[in-house]
């Protein structure tokens, strides 16, 4: 498959990627990652190994796009996703919409 990473064309195949990453120890995953074989690699590490370019020369999106087209599983940055807010019960939600004190606090303030 032909893809462009950092404005340079590359011919990548799934077997070629597997062969290139064989014996490479995965670094600590901090952002986006890709599963190659049974290991999970940071996309910047994979891009550096495949293209032999500095990691600053390409974006993680370019590598994710290429790896996805080749059939590898890519994972988003877990830290980038906002944590879900705790759900309010209907009374708390109505009170919050009306600008009142939430029900949890109202029960502790009653004397």
N, C-alpha and C. Protein backbone atom coordinates (compact mmCIF):
# COMPACT_ATOMS: atom_id res chain seq x y z
N UNK A 1 0.84 -1.17 0.00
CA UNK A 1 0.00 0.00 0.00
C UNK A 1 0.89 1.24 0.00
N UNK A 2 0.55 2.17 -0.82
CA UNK A 2 1.30 3.42 -0.90
C UNK A 2 0.68 4.42 0.05
N UNK A 3 1.50 5.04 0.89
CA UNK A 3 1.02 6.08 1.79
C UNK A 3 2.07 7.18 1.88
N UNK A 4 1.62 8.35 2.32
CA UNK A 4 2.50 9.49 2.45
C UNK A 4 2.62 9.83 3.92
N UNK A 5 3.86 9.83 4.41
CA UNK A 5 4.15 10.21 5.79
C UNK A 5 5.24 11.26 5.74
N UNK A 6 4.99 12.40 6.33
CA UNK A 6 5.94 13.52 6.35
C UNK A 6 6.32 13.93 4.93
N UNK A 7 5.33 13.97 4.06
CA UNK A 7 5.47 14.39 2.66
C UNK A 7 6.33 13.46 1.81
N UNK A 8 6.65 12.27 2.31
CA UNK A 8 7.42 11.30 1.55
C UNK A 8 6.57 10.06 1.30
N UNK A 9 6.57 9.54 0.08
CA UNK A 9 5.78 8.33 -0.21
C UNK A 9 6.50 7.07 0.28
N UNK A 10 5.71 6.15 0.82
CA UNK A 10 6.23 4.87 1.30
C UNK A 10 5.34 3.75 0.80
N UNK A 11 5.95 2.62 0.47
CA UNK A 11 5.23 1.41 0.11
C UNK A 11 5.25 0.51 1.33
N UNK A 12 4.12 0.38 2.00
CA UNK A 12 4.04 -0.42 3.21
C UNK A 12 3.13 -1.62 2.99
N UNK A 13 3.51 -2.74 3.57
CA UNK A 13 2.67 -3.93 3.58
C UNK A 13 2.54 -4.39 5.02
N UNK A 14 1.50 -5.14 5.30
CA UNK A 14 1.31 -5.64 6.65
C UNK A 14 2.47 -6.54 7.06
N UNK A 15 2.91 -7.42 6.16
CA UNK A 15 4.04 -8.31 6.45
C UNK A 15 5.33 -7.52 6.65
N UNK A 16 5.50 -6.46 5.87
CA UNK A 16 6.69 -5.62 6.01
C UNK A 16 6.74 -4.90 7.35
N UNK A 17 5.57 -4.43 7.81
CA UNK A 17 5.50 -3.77 9.11
C UNK A 17 5.80 -4.77 10.22
N UNK A 18 5.21 -5.96 10.13
CA UNK A 18 5.47 -7.00 11.13
C UNK A 18 6.96 -7.35 11.18
N UNK A 19 7.58 -7.45 10.03
CA UNK A 19 9.00 -7.78 9.96
C UNK A 19 9.86 -6.65 10.53
N UNK A 20 9.50 -5.41 10.22
CA UNK A 20 10.27 -4.26 10.72
C UNK A 20 10.19 -4.13 12.23
N UNK A 21 9.03 -4.46 12.80
CA UNK A 21 8.83 -4.28 14.24
C UNK A 21 9.26 -5.51 15.04
N UNK A 22 9.66 -6.59 14.36
CA UNK A 22 10.10 -7.79 15.05
C UNK A 22 11.39 -7.47 15.82
N UNK A 23 11.41 -7.80 17.09
CA UNK A 23 12.59 -7.57 17.91
C UNK A 23 12.69 -6.18 18.50
N UNK A 24 11.75 -5.29 18.16
CA UNK A 24 11.74 -3.93 18.71
C UNK A 24 10.95 -3.94 20.01
N UNK A 25 11.56 -3.47 21.08
CA UNK A 25 10.89 -3.42 22.38
C UNK A 25 9.98 -2.19 22.43
N UNK A 26 8.71 -2.38 22.79
CA UNK A 26 7.80 -1.23 22.85
C UNK A 26 8.19 -0.26 23.96
N UNK A 27 8.09 1.03 23.65
CA UNK A 27 8.31 2.06 24.65
C UNK A 27 7.03 2.22 25.46
N UNK A 28 7.11 3.01 26.51
CA UNK A 28 5.95 3.30 27.33
C UNK A 28 4.91 4.05 26.50
N UNK A 29 3.67 3.57 26.47
CA UNK A 29 2.62 4.20 25.69
C UNK A 29 2.08 5.39 26.47
N UNK A 30 2.20 6.57 25.88
CA UNK A 30 1.72 7.79 26.53
C UNK A 30 0.53 8.35 25.76
N UNK A 31 0.55 8.29 24.46
CA UNK A 31 -0.53 8.84 23.64
C UNK A 31 -1.20 7.75 22.82
N UNK A 32 -1.38 8.04 21.54
CA UNK A 32 -2.00 7.06 20.65
C UNK A 32 -1.06 5.87 20.46
N UNK A 33 -1.66 4.70 20.24
CA UNK A 33 -0.86 3.49 20.10
C UNK A 33 -1.45 2.58 19.03
N UNK A 34 -0.65 1.60 18.62
CA UNK A 34 -1.08 0.63 17.62
C UNK A 34 -0.64 -0.75 18.08
N UNK A 35 -1.51 -1.73 17.89
CA UNK A 35 -1.20 -3.11 18.24
C UNK A 35 -0.62 -3.80 17.02
N UNK A 36 0.61 -4.27 17.16
CA UNK A 36 1.29 -5.00 16.09
C UNK A 36 1.70 -6.33 16.68
N UNK A 37 1.15 -7.40 16.14
CA UNK A 37 1.36 -8.71 16.73
C UNK A 37 0.66 -8.76 18.07
N UNK A 38 1.41 -9.09 19.10
CA UNK A 38 0.83 -9.12 20.45
C UNK A 38 1.30 -7.95 21.29
N UNK A 39 1.96 -7.00 20.67
CA UNK A 39 2.51 -5.87 21.41
C UNK A 39 1.83 -4.56 21.02
N UNK A 40 1.83 -3.64 21.97
CA UNK A 40 1.22 -2.33 21.74
C UNK A 40 2.33 -1.28 21.74
N UNK A 41 2.49 -0.60 20.61
CA UNK A 41 3.56 0.38 20.42
C UNK A 41 2.98 1.79 20.32
N UNK A 42 3.72 2.80 20.80
CA UNK A 42 3.33 4.18 20.52
C UNK A 42 3.44 4.43 19.01
N UNK A 43 2.51 5.17 18.44
CA UNK A 43 2.52 5.37 16.98
C UNK A 43 3.77 6.11 16.52
N UNK A 44 4.30 7.00 17.34
CA UNK A 44 5.51 7.72 16.94
C UNK A 44 6.70 6.77 16.84
N UNK A 45 6.78 5.78 17.71
CA UNK A 45 7.86 4.79 17.64
C UNK A 45 7.73 3.98 16.35
N UNK A 46 6.53 3.55 16.03
CA UNK A 46 6.30 2.78 14.80
C UNK A 46 6.66 3.62 13.58
N UNK A 47 6.23 4.88 13.57
CA UNK A 47 6.56 5.76 12.45
C UNK A 47 8.05 5.95 12.28
N UNK A 48 8.77 6.09 13.39
CA UNK A 48 10.21 6.28 13.32
C UNK A 48 10.90 5.03 12.77
N UNK A 49 10.46 3.86 13.20
CA UNK A 49 11.08 2.61 12.73
C UNK A 49 10.79 2.41 11.24
N UNK A 50 9.56 2.65 10.82
CA UNK A 50 9.18 2.40 9.43
C UNK A 50 9.78 3.40 8.45
N UNK A 51 9.82 4.67 8.84
CA UNK A 51 10.26 5.72 7.91
C UNK A 51 11.72 6.12 8.09
N UNK A 52 12.31 5.74 9.24
CA UNK A 52 13.69 6.14 9.57
C UNK A 52 13.82 7.66 9.62
N UNK A 53 12.76 8.34 10.01
CA UNK A 53 12.77 9.79 10.14
C UNK A 53 12.63 10.18 11.60
N UNK A 54 12.98 11.41 11.90
CA UNK A 54 12.81 11.93 13.24
C UNK A 54 11.32 12.02 13.56
N UNK A 55 10.98 11.78 14.81
CA UNK A 55 9.57 11.77 15.23
C UNK A 55 8.90 13.13 15.06
N UNK A 56 9.69 14.18 15.03
CA UNK A 56 9.12 15.53 14.86
C UNK A 56 8.72 15.81 13.42
N UNK A 57 9.13 14.95 12.49
CA UNK A 57 8.86 15.19 11.07
C UNK A 57 7.47 14.75 10.63
N UNK A 58 6.78 13.95 11.42
CA UNK A 58 5.46 13.46 11.03
C UNK A 58 4.52 13.53 12.22
N UNK A 59 3.23 13.46 11.92
CA UNK A 59 2.23 13.49 12.98
C UNK A 59 1.79 12.06 13.30
N UNK A 60 1.25 11.90 14.49
CA UNK A 60 0.75 10.59 14.86
C UNK A 60 -0.45 10.22 13.99
N UNK A 61 -1.21 11.21 13.54
CA UNK A 61 -2.36 10.96 12.67
C UNK A 61 -1.98 10.31 11.36
N UNK A 62 -0.85 10.71 10.80
CA UNK A 62 -0.39 10.11 9.54
C UNK A 62 -0.10 8.61 9.73
N UNK A 63 0.54 8.28 10.83
CA UNK A 63 0.88 6.88 11.10
C UNK A 63 -0.38 6.08 11.42
N UNK A 64 -1.27 6.66 12.21
CA UNK A 64 -2.53 5.98 12.56
C UNK A 64 -3.32 5.68 11.29
N UNK A 65 -3.39 6.64 10.40
CA UNK A 65 -4.13 6.45 9.14
C UNK A 65 -3.53 5.31 8.33
N UNK A 66 -2.20 5.27 8.23
CA UNK A 66 -1.54 4.22 7.46
C UNK A 66 -1.72 2.85 8.11
N UNK A 67 -1.56 2.79 9.43
CA UNK A 67 -1.69 1.50 10.13
C UNK A 67 -3.13 0.98 10.07
N UNK A 68 -4.10 1.88 10.14
CA UNK A 68 -5.51 1.48 10.05
C UNK A 68 -5.80 0.91 8.66
N UNK A 69 -5.28 1.55 7.63
CA UNK A 69 -5.50 1.06 6.26
C UNK A 69 -4.85 -0.31 6.04
N UNK A 70 -3.77 -0.58 6.77
CA UNK A 70 -3.12 -1.88 6.66
C UNK A 70 -3.81 -2.96 7.48
N UNK A 71 -4.74 -2.56 8.34
CA UNK A 71 -5.50 -3.54 9.11
C UNK A 71 -5.06 -3.71 10.55
N UNK A 72 -4.18 -2.85 11.03
CA UNK A 72 -3.76 -2.92 12.43
C UNK A 72 -4.76 -2.18 13.30
N UNK A 73 -4.86 -2.57 14.57
CA UNK A 73 -5.76 -1.92 15.51
C UNK A 73 -5.06 -0.74 16.16
N UNK A 74 -5.64 0.44 16.03
CA UNK A 74 -5.09 1.65 16.63
C UNK A 74 -5.94 2.05 17.82
N UNK A 75 -5.29 2.62 18.83
CA UNK A 75 -5.96 3.01 20.07
C UNK A 75 -5.76 4.50 20.30
N UNK A 76 -6.82 5.17 20.75
CA UNK A 76 -6.74 6.60 21.03
C UNK A 76 -5.99 6.85 22.32
N UNK A 77 -5.63 8.10 22.52
CA UNK A 77 -4.99 8.52 23.76
C UNK A 77 -6.03 8.51 24.87
N UNK A 78 -5.84 7.65 25.85
CA UNK A 78 -6.81 7.50 26.94
C UNK A 78 -6.87 8.77 27.78
N UNK A 79 -5.74 9.42 27.99
CA UNK A 79 -5.71 10.62 28.83
C UNK A 79 -6.43 11.79 28.17
N UNK A 80 -6.57 11.78 26.85
CA UNK A 80 -7.21 12.89 26.16
C UNK A 80 -8.72 12.89 26.33
N UNK A 81 -9.30 11.74 26.61
CA UNK A 81 -10.76 11.65 26.77
C UNK A 81 -11.14 12.20 28.15
N UNK A 82 -12.11 13.11 28.18
CA UNK A 82 -12.52 13.65 29.47
C UNK A 82 -13.23 12.59 30.31
N UNK A 83 -13.01 12.65 31.60
CA UNK A 83 -13.66 11.70 32.50
C UNK A 83 -15.15 12.03 32.57
N UNK A 84 -16.01 11.02 32.59
CA UNK A 84 -17.44 11.29 32.67
C UNK A 84 -17.80 11.89 34.03
N UNK A 85 -18.72 12.84 33.99
CA UNK A 85 -19.18 13.45 35.23
C UNK A 85 -20.14 12.50 35.93
N UNK A 86 -20.19 12.56 37.25
CA UNK A 86 -21.13 11.70 37.95
C UNK A 86 -22.56 12.10 37.59
N UNK A 87 -23.41 11.10 37.42
CA UNK A 87 -24.79 11.34 37.01
C UNK A 87 -25.58 11.90 38.19
N UNK A 88 -26.44 12.87 37.90
CA UNK A 88 -27.33 13.43 38.91
C UNK A 88 -28.66 12.72 38.84
N UNK A 89 -29.30 12.58 40.00
CA UNK A 89 -30.65 12.03 39.97
C UNK A 89 -31.59 13.14 39.49
N UNK A 90 -32.82 12.83 39.12
CA UNK A 90 -33.72 13.85 38.56
C UNK A 90 -33.94 15.06 39.46
N UNK A 91 -34.00 14.87 40.77
CA UNK A 91 -34.22 16.00 41.67
C UNK A 91 -32.99 16.92 41.68
N UNK A 92 -31.80 16.32 41.72
CA UNK A 92 -30.58 17.12 41.69
C UNK A 92 -30.45 17.88 40.38
N UNK A 93 -30.80 17.24 39.27
CA UNK A 93 -30.72 17.88 37.97
C UNK A 93 -31.68 19.05 37.88
N UNK A 94 -32.91 18.87 38.35
CA UNK A 94 -33.89 19.95 38.32
C UNK A 94 -33.46 21.10 39.21
N UNK A 95 -32.94 20.78 40.38
CA UNK A 95 -32.48 21.82 41.30
C UNK A 95 -31.32 22.61 40.69
N UNK A 96 -30.38 21.90 40.04
CA UNK A 96 -29.25 22.57 39.42
C UNK A 96 -29.70 23.47 38.28
N UNK A 97 -30.70 23.02 37.49
CA UNK A 97 -31.20 23.85 36.38
C UNK A 97 -31.90 25.10 36.89
N UNK A 98 -32.54 25.01 38.06
CA UNK A 98 -33.23 26.16 38.63
C UNK A 98 -32.30 27.06 39.45
N UNK A 99 -31.05 26.64 39.58
CA UNK A 99 -30.08 27.45 40.30
C UNK A 99 -30.11 27.24 41.79
N UNK A 100 -30.81 26.23 42.25
CA UNK A 100 -30.91 25.96 43.67
C UNK A 100 -29.75 25.12 44.17
N UNK A 101 -29.80 24.79 45.43
CA UNK A 101 -28.79 23.96 46.05
C UNK A 101 -29.05 22.52 45.65
N UNK A 102 -28.02 21.81 45.23
CA UNK A 102 -28.23 20.38 44.90
C UNK A 102 -28.82 19.61 46.07
N UNK A 103 -29.59 18.57 45.75
CA UNK A 103 -30.30 17.82 46.78
C UNK A 103 -29.36 17.20 47.81
N UNK A 104 -28.18 16.78 47.40
CA UNK A 104 -27.23 16.17 48.33
C UNK A 104 -26.81 17.17 49.40
N UNK A 105 -26.63 18.42 49.00
CA UNK A 105 -26.25 19.44 49.96
C UNK A 105 -27.44 19.91 50.78
N UNK A 106 -28.62 19.91 50.16
CA UNK A 106 -29.83 20.37 50.85
C UNK A 106 -30.16 19.47 52.04
N UNK A 107 -29.96 18.16 51.91
CA UNK A 107 -30.23 17.24 53.00
C UNK A 107 -29.30 17.46 54.17
N UNK A 108 -28.05 17.84 53.90
CA UNK A 108 -27.10 18.04 55.00
C UNK A 108 -27.27 19.40 55.66
N UNK A 109 -27.98 20.34 54.96
CA UNK A 109 -28.15 21.67 55.53
C UNK A 109 -29.43 21.78 56.34
N UNK A 110 -30.35 20.83 56.18
CA UNK A 110 -31.60 20.91 56.91
C UNK A 110 -31.35 20.68 58.40
N UNK A 111 -32.00 21.50 59.24
CA UNK A 111 -31.81 21.39 60.70
C UNK A 111 -33.11 21.10 61.37
